[in-house]
C-alpha cells in the first residue's frame, strides 16, 4: 500500500514541477487530437493516449483535462 502512495506523490510532484498551472498543461497537449479520440473512441481511449504522452501525469488531472475538452 505504501508503494501506491509513493507513486501518487511522485506523480503529483512531477506534475507540480513540470506545469505551473492546469492551463499550462492544457496548452502543452494536442487538444484537437485528444478531443477527436474522446469523441470517436471514448474517454478511456483518450485517457490512455494522454497517459502514453505523459506517463507521470496523475490520473485525476488527466481525467479532469479530458472532461474539460
PDB file of N, CA and C in Angstrom:
ATOM      1  N   UNK A   1       0.823  -1.193   0.000  1.00  0.00           N
ATOM      2  CA  UNK A   1       0.000   0.000   0.000  1.00  0.00           C
ATOM      3  C   UNK A   1       0.871   1.264   0.000  1.00  0.00           C
ATOM      4  N   UNK A   2       1.985   1.192   0.671  1.00  0.00           N
ATOM      5  CA  UNK A   2       2.869   2.356   0.727  1.00  0.00           C
ATOM      6  C   UNK A   2       3.397   2.709  -0.657  1.00  0.00           C
ATOM      7  N   UNK A   3       3.564   1.693  -1.520  1.00  0.00           N
ATOM      8  CA  UNK A   3       4.053   1.954  -2.872  1.00  0.00           C
ATOM      9  C   UNK A   3       3.064   2.783  -3.673  1.00  0.00           C
ATOM     10  N   UNK A   4       1.786   2.550  -3.446  1.00  0.00           N
ATOM     11  CA  UNK A   4       0.749   3.304  -4.151  1.00  0.00           C
ATOM     12  C   UNK A   4       0.838   4.776  -3.767  1.00  0.00           C
ATOM     13  N   UNK A   5       0.960   5.050  -2.481  1.00  0.00           N
ATOM     14  CA  UNK A   5       1.056   6.430  -2.017  1.00  0.00           C
ATOM     15  C   UNK A   5       2.330   7.096  -2.515  1.00  0.00           C
ATOM     16  N   UNK A   6       3.422   6.337  -2.546  1.00  0.00           N
ATOM     17  CA  UNK A   6       4.687   6.870  -3.038  1.00  0.00           C
ATOM     18  C   UNK A   6       4.579   7.217  -4.512  1.00  0.00           C
ATOM     19  N   UNK A   7       3.944   6.352  -5.276  1.00  0.00           N
ATOM     20  CA  UNK A   7       3.761   6.598  -6.710  1.00  0.00           C
ATOM     21  C   UNK A   7       2.881   7.826  -6.937  1.00  0.00           C
ATOM     22  N   UNK A   8       1.800   7.929  -6.194  1.00  0.00           N
ATOM     23  CA  UNK A   8       0.918   9.102  -6.319  1.00  0.00           C
ATOM     24  C   UNK A   8       1.659  10.393  -5.978  1.00  0.00           C
ATOM     25  N   UNK A   9       2.441  10.350  -4.915  1.00  0.00           N
ATOM     26  CA  UNK A   9       3.187  11.538  -4.507  1.00  0.00           C
ATOM     27  C   UNK A   9       4.231  11.909  -5.558  1.00  0.00           C
ATOM     28  N   UNK A  10       4.913  10.911  -6.111  1.00  0.00           N
ATOM     29  CA  UNK A  10       5.914  11.152  -7.152  1.00  0.00           C
ATOM     30  C   UNK A  10       5.263  11.790  -8.389  1.00  0.00           C
ATOM     31  N   UNK A  11       4.116  11.272  -8.780  1.00  0.00           N
ATOM     32  CA  UNK A  11       3.415  11.825  -9.946  1.00  0.00           C
ATOM     33  C   UNK A  11       2.934  13.248  -9.670  1.00  0.00           C
ATOM     34  N   UNK A  12       2.417  13.501  -8.479  1.00  0.00           N
ATOM     35  CA  UNK A  12       1.941  14.841  -8.116  1.00  0.00           C
ATOM     36  C   UNK A  12       3.109  15.818  -8.122  1.00  0.00           C
ATOM     37  N   UNK A  13       4.239  15.412  -7.570  1.00  0.00           N
ATOM     38  CA  UNK A  13       5.419  16.288  -7.548  1.00  0.00           C
ATOM     39  C   UNK A  13       5.906  16.569  -8.967  1.00  0.00           C
ATOM     40  N   UNK A  14       5.913  15.556  -9.825  1.00  0.00           N
ATOM     41  CA  UNK A  14       6.323  15.757 -11.222  1.00  0.00           C
ATOM     42  C   UNK A  14       5.398  16.758 -11.898  1.00  0.00           C
ATOM     43  N   UNK A  15       4.114  16.592 -11.714  1.00  0.00           N
ATOM     44  CA  UNK A  15       3.132  17.494 -12.319  1.00  0.00           C
ATOM     45  C   UNK A  15       3.337  18.929 -11.835  1.00  0.00           C
ATOM     46  N   UNK A  16       3.501  19.104 -10.548  1.00  0.00           N
ATOM     47  CA  UNK A  16       3.665  20.443  -9.986  1.00  0.00           C
ATOM     48  C   UNK A  16       4.969  21.105 -10.429  1.00  0.00           C
ATOM     49  N   UNK A  17       6.010  20.310 -10.646  1.00  0.00           N
ATOM     50  CA  UNK A  17       7.292  20.860 -11.098  1.00  0.00           C
ATOM     51  C   UNK A  17       7.306  21.130 -12.599  1.00  0.00           C
ATOM     52  N   UNK A  18       6.523  20.373 -13.364  1.00  0.00           N
ATOM     53  CA  UNK A  18       6.539  20.479 -14.818  1.00  0.00           C
ATOM     54  C   UNK A  18       5.589  21.557 -15.330  1.00  0.00           C
ATOM     55  N   UNK A  19       4.442  21.683 -14.724  1.00  0.00           N
ATOM     56  CA  UNK A  19       3.428  22.636 -15.175  1.00  0.00           C
ATOM     57  C   UNK A  19       3.079  23.597 -14.046  1.00  0.00           C
ATOM     58  N   UNK A  20       3.106  24.873 -14.361  1.00  0.00           N
ATOM     59  CA  UNK A  20       2.805  25.889 -13.345  1.00  0.00           C
ATOM     60  C   UNK A  20       1.315  25.935 -13.026  1.00  0.00           C
ATOM     61  N   UNK A  21       0.488  25.507 -13.984  1.00  0.00           N
ATOM     62  CA  UNK A  21      -0.952  25.541 -13.781  1.00  0.00           C
ATOM     63  C   UNK A  21      -1.629  24.531 -14.705  1.00  0.00           C
ATOM     64  N   UNK A  22      -2.911  24.324 -14.455  1.00  0.00           N
ATOM     65  CA  UNK A  22      -3.694  23.435 -15.307  1.00  0.00           C
ATOM     66  C   UNK A  22      -3.765  23.996 -16.725  1.00  0.00           C
ATOM     67  N   UNK A  23      -3.840  25.314 -16.835  1.00  0.00           N
ATOM     68  CA  UNK A  23      -3.878  25.960 -18.151  1.00  0.00           C
ATOM     69  C   UNK A  23      -2.593  25.694 -18.934  1.00  0.00           C
ATOM     70  N   UNK A  24      -1.470  25.659 -18.252  1.00  0.00           N
ATOM     71  CA  UNK A  24      -0.208  25.370 -18.925  1.00  0.00           C
ATOM     72  C   UNK A  24      -0.186  23.930 -19.451  1.00  0.00           C
ATOM     73  N   UNK A  25      -0.719  23.004 -18.674  1.00  0.00           N
ATOM     74  CA  UNK A  25      -0.836  21.623 -19.138  1.00  0.00           C
ATOM     75  C   UNK A  25      -1.734  21.565 -20.372  1.00  0.00           C
ATOM     76  N   UNK A  26      -2.845  22.245 -20.301  1.00  0.00           N
ATOM     77  CA  UNK A  26      -3.797  22.247 -21.418  1.00  0.00           C
ATOM     78  C   UNK A  26      -3.154  22.807 -22.685  1.00  0.00           C
ATOM     79  N   UNK A  27      -2.320  23.825 -22.538  1.00  0.00           N
ATOM     80  CA  UNK A  27      -1.613  24.393 -23.692  1.00  0.00           C
ATOM     81  C   UNK A  27      -0.569  23.434 -24.251  1.00  0.00           C
ATOM     82  N   UNK A  28      -0.042  22.555 -23.415  1.00  0.00           N
ATOM     83  CA  UNK A  28       1.029  21.647 -23.826  1.00  0.00           C
ATOM     84  C   UNK A  28       0.524  20.440 -24.616  1.00  0.00           C
ATOM     85  N   UNK A  29      -0.732  20.071 -24.435  1.00  0.00           N
ATOM     86  CA  UNK A  29      -1.259  18.878 -25.110  1.00  0.00           C
ATOM     87  C   UNK A  29      -1.918  19.258 -26.428  1.00  0.00           C
ATOM     88  N   UNK A  30      -2.092  18.254 -27.271  1.00  0.00           N
ATOM     89  CA  UNK A  30      -2.793  18.433 -28.544  1.00  0.00           C
ATOM     90  C   UNK A  30      -4.281  18.236 -28.281  1.00  0.00           C
ATOM     91  N   UNK A  31      -4.959  19.325 -27.948  1.00  0.00           N
ATOM     92  CA  UNK A  31      -6.369  19.255 -27.575  1.00  0.00           C
ATOM     93  C   UNK A  31      -7.240  18.666 -28.669  1.00  0.00           C
ATOM     94  N   UNK A  32      -6.989  19.065 -29.902  1.00  0.00           N
ATOM     95  CA  UNK A  32      -7.819  18.592 -31.016  1.00  0.00           C
ATOM     96  C   UNK A  32      -7.718  17.075 -31.158  1.00  0.00           C
ATOM     97  N   UNK A  33      -6.520  16.530 -31.051  1.00  0.00           N
ATOM     98  CA  UNK A  33      -6.338  15.081 -31.185  1.00  0.00           C
ATOM     99  C   UNK A  33      -6.999  14.343 -30.023  1.00  0.00           C
ATOM    100  N   UNK A  34      -6.844  14.858 -28.819  1.00  0.00           N
ATOM    101  CA  UNK A  34      -7.469  14.220 -27.664  1.00  0.00           C
ATOM    102  C   UNK A  34      -8.992  14.299 -27.743  1.00  0.00           C
ATOM    103  N   UNK A  35      -9.516  15.436 -28.162  1.00  0.00           N
ATOM    104  CA  UNK A  35     -10.959  15.596 -28.311  1.00  0.00           C
ATOM    105  C   UNK A  35     -11.499  14.621 -29.360  1.00  0.00           C
ATOM    106  N   UNK A  36     -10.776  14.505 -30.479  1.00  0.00           N
ATOM    107  CA  UNK A  36     -11.188  13.601 -31.546  1.00  0.00           C
ATOM    108  C   UNK A  36     -11.191  12.152 -31.039  1.00  0.00           C
ATOM    109  N   UNK A  37     -10.135  11.770 -30.318  1.00  0.00           N
ATOM    110  CA  UNK A  37     -10.061  10.418 -29.760  1.00  0.00           C
ATOM    111  C   UNK A  37     -11.202  10.184 -28.789  1.00  0.00           C
ATOM    112  N   UNK A  38     -11.457  11.147 -27.927  1.00  0.00           N
ATOM    113  CA  UNK A  38     -12.549  11.017 -26.950  1.00  0.00           C
ATOM    114  C   UNK A  38     -13.892  10.855 -27.646  1.00  0.00           C
ATOM    115  N   UNK A  39     -14.124  11.662 -28.687  1.00  0.00           N
ATOM    116  CA  UNK A  39     -15.411  11.615 -29.369  1.00  0.00           C
ATOM    117  C   UNK A  39     -15.584  10.350 -30.202  1.00  0.00           C
ATOM    118  N   UNK A  40     -14.497   9.864 -30.799  1.00  0.00           N
ATOM    119  CA  UNK A  40     -14.590   8.697 -31.674  1.00  0.00           C
ATOM    120  C   UNK A  40     -14.472   7.371 -30.927  1.00  0.00           C
ATOM    121  N   UNK A  41     -13.572   7.308 -29.947  1.00  0.00           N
ATOM    122  CA  UNK A  41     -13.285   6.029 -29.299  1.00  0.00           C
ATOM    123  C   UNK A  41     -13.625   6.001 -27.813  1.00  0.00           C
ATOM    124  N   UNK A  42     -13.968   7.138 -27.239  1.00  0.00           N
ATOM    125  CA  UNK A  42     -14.380   7.174 -25.843  1.00  0.00           C
ATOM    126  C   UNK A  42     -13.347   7.808 -24.918  1.00  0.00           C
ATOM    127  N   UNK A  43     -13.809   8.088 -23.720  1.00  0.00           N
ATOM    128  CA  UNK A  43     -12.991   8.752 -22.707  1.00  0.00           C
ATOM    129  C   UNK A  43     -11.777   7.910 -22.312  1.00  0.00           C
ATOM    130  N   UNK A  44     -11.980   6.608 -22.161  1.00  0.00           N
ATOM    131  CA  UNK A  44     -10.875   5.741 -21.743  1.00  0.00           C
ATOM    132  C   UNK A  44      -9.743   5.756 -22.766  1.00  0.00           C
ATOM    133  N   UNK A  45     -10.076   5.740 -24.039  1.00  0.00           N
ATOM    134  CA  UNK A  45      -9.054   5.775 -25.092  1.00  0.00           C
ATOM    135  C   UNK A  45      -8.293   7.090 -25.060  1.00  0.00           C
ATOM    136  N   UNK A  46      -9.001   8.179 -24.821  1.00  0.00           N
ATOM    137  CA  UNK A  46      -8.343   9.487 -24.733  1.00  0.00           C
ATOM    138  C   UNK A  46      -7.429   9.543 -23.512  1.00  0.00           C
ATOM    139  N   UNK A  47      -7.867   8.973 -22.398  1.00  0.00           N
ATOM    140  CA  UNK A  47      -7.022   8.919 -21.200  1.00  0.00           C
ATOM    141  C   UNK A  47      -5.762   8.103 -21.459  1.00  0.00           C
ATOM    142  N   UNK A  48      -5.903   6.970 -22.133  1.00  0.00           N
ATOM    143  CA  UNK A  48      -4.736   6.150 -22.457  1.00  0.00           C
ATOM    144  C   UNK A  48      -3.755   6.902 -23.349  1.00  0.00           C
ATOM    145  N   UNK A  49      -4.284   7.614 -24.321  1.00  0.00           N
ATOM    146  CA  UNK A  49      -3.422   8.395 -25.217  1.00  0.00           C
ATOM    147  C   UNK A  49      -2.665   9.464 -24.438  1.00  0.00           C
ATOM    148  N   UNK A  50      -3.350  10.129 -23.527  1.00  0.00           N
ATOM    149  CA  UNK A  50      -2.710  11.154 -22.707  1.00  0.00           C
ATOM    150  C   UNK A  50      -1.675  10.530 -21.768  1.00  0.00           C
ATOM    151  N   UNK A  51      -1.989   9.381 -21.191  1.00  0.00           N
ATOM    152  CA  UNK A  51      -1.042   8.698 -20.304  1.00  0.00           C
ATOM    153  C   UNK A  51       0.192   8.216 -21.058  1.00  0.00           C
ATOM    154  N   UNK A  52       0.039   7.851 -22.317  1.00  0.00           N
ATOM    155  CA  UNK A  52       1.210   7.453 -23.109  1.00  0.00           C
ATOM    156  C   UNK A  52       2.136   8.644 -23.336  1.00  0.00           C
ATOM    157  N   UNK A  53       1.544   9.801 -23.581  1.00  0.00           N
ATOM    158  CA  UNK A  53       2.344  11.008 -23.819  1.00  0.00           C
ATOM    159  C   UNK A  53       2.963  11.539 -22.527  1.00  0.00           C
ATOM    160  N   UNK A  54       2.221  11.448 -21.430  1.00  0.00           N
ATOM    161  CA  UNK A  54       2.674  11.954 -20.129  1.00  0.00           C
ATOM    162  C   UNK A  54       2.459  10.861 -19.073  1.00  0.00           C
ATOM    163  N   UNK A  55       3.344   9.864 -19.013  1.00  0.00           N
ATOM    164  CA  UNK A  55       3.130   8.742 -18.088  1.00  0.00           C
ATOM    165  C   UNK A  55       3.148   9.123 -16.605  1.00  0.00           C
ATOM    166  N   UNK A  56       3.746  10.232 -16.270  1.00  0.00           N
ATOM    167  CA  UNK A  56       3.794  10.645 -14.864  1.00  0.00           C
ATOM    168  C   UNK A  56       2.659  11.574 -14.477  1.00  0.00           C
ATOM    169  N   UNK A  57       1.761  11.841 -15.386  1.00  0.00           N
ATOM    170  CA  UNK A  57       0.625  12.718 -15.096  1.00  0.00           C
ATOM    171  C   UNK A  57      -0.365  11.989 -14.189  1.00  0.00           C
ATOM    172  N   UNK A  58      -0.738  12.593 -13.059  1.00  0.00           N
ATOM    173  CA  UNK A  58      -1.709  11.943 -12.172  1.00  0.00           C
ATOM    174  C   UNK A  58      -3.018  11.679 -12.915  1.00  0.00           C
ATOM    175  N   UNK A  59      -3.622  10.526 -12.675  1.00  0.00           N
ATOM    176  CA  UNK A  59      -4.829  10.119 -13.388  1.00  0.00           C
ATOM    177  C   UNK A  59      -5.981  11.096 -13.139  1.00  0.00           C
ATOM    178  N   UNK A  60      -6.070  11.655 -11.957  1.00  0.00           N
ATOM    179  CA  UNK A  60      -7.149  12.600 -11.656  1.00  0.00           C
ATOM    180  C   UNK A  60      -7.007  13.859 -12.510  1.00  0.00           C
ATOM    181  N   UNK A  61      -5.791  14.326 -12.701  1.00  0.00           N
ATOM    182  CA  UNK A  61      -5.545  15.505 -13.524  1.00  0.00           C
ATOM    183  C   UNK A  61      -5.823  15.170 -14.993  1.00  0.00           C
ATOM    184  N   UNK A  62      -5.416  13.986 -15.419  1.00  0.00           N
ATOM    185  CA  UNK A  62      -5.661  13.560 -16.792  1.00  0.00           C
ATOM    186  C   UNK A  62      -7.167  13.475 -17.066  1.00  0.00           C
ATOM    187  N   UNK A  63      -7.914  12.907 -16.141  1.00  0.00           N
ATOM    188  CA  UNK A  63      -9.362  12.796 -16.302  1.00  0.00           C
ATOM    189  C   UNK A  63     -10.020  14.171 -16.334  1.00  0.00           C
ATOM    190  N   UNK A  64      -9.560  15.076 -15.493  1.00  0.00           N
ATOM    191  CA  UNK A  64     -10.097  16.442 -15.484  1.00  0.00           C
ATOM    192  C   UNK A  64      -9.854  17.114 -16.838  1.00  0.00           C
ATOM    193  N   UNK A  65      -8.672  16.907 -17.388  1.00  0.00           N
ATOM    194  CA  UNK A  65      -8.347  17.503 -18.684  1.00  0.00           C
ATOM    195  C   UNK A  65      -9.242  16.949 -19.787  1.00  0.00           C
ATOM    196  N   UNK A  66      -9.400  15.638 -19.840  1.00  0.00           N
ATOM    197  CA  UNK A  66     -10.219  15.015 -20.875  1.00  0.00           C
ATOM    198  C   UNK A  66     -11.663  15.496 -20.764  1.00  0.00           C
ATOM    199  N   UNK A  67     -12.180  15.591 -19.557  1.00  0.00           N
ATOM    200  CA  UNK A  67     -13.565  16.051 -19.349  1.00  0.00           C
ATOM    201  C   UNK A  67     -13.736  17.517 -19.747  1.00  0.00           C
ATOM    202  N   UNK A  68     -12.679  18.297 -19.621  1.00  0.00           N
ATOM    203  CA  UNK A  68     -12.797  19.726 -19.892  1.00  0.00           C
ATOM    204  C   UNK A  68     -12.667  20.073 -21.377  1.00  0.00           C
ATOM    205  N   UNK A  69     -12.321  19.097 -22.203  1.00  0.00           N
ATOM    206  CA  UNK A  69     -12.151  19.369 -23.640  1.00  0.00           C
ATOM    207  C   UNK A  69     -13.493  19.585 -24.319  1.00  0.00           C
TER     208      UNK A  69
END
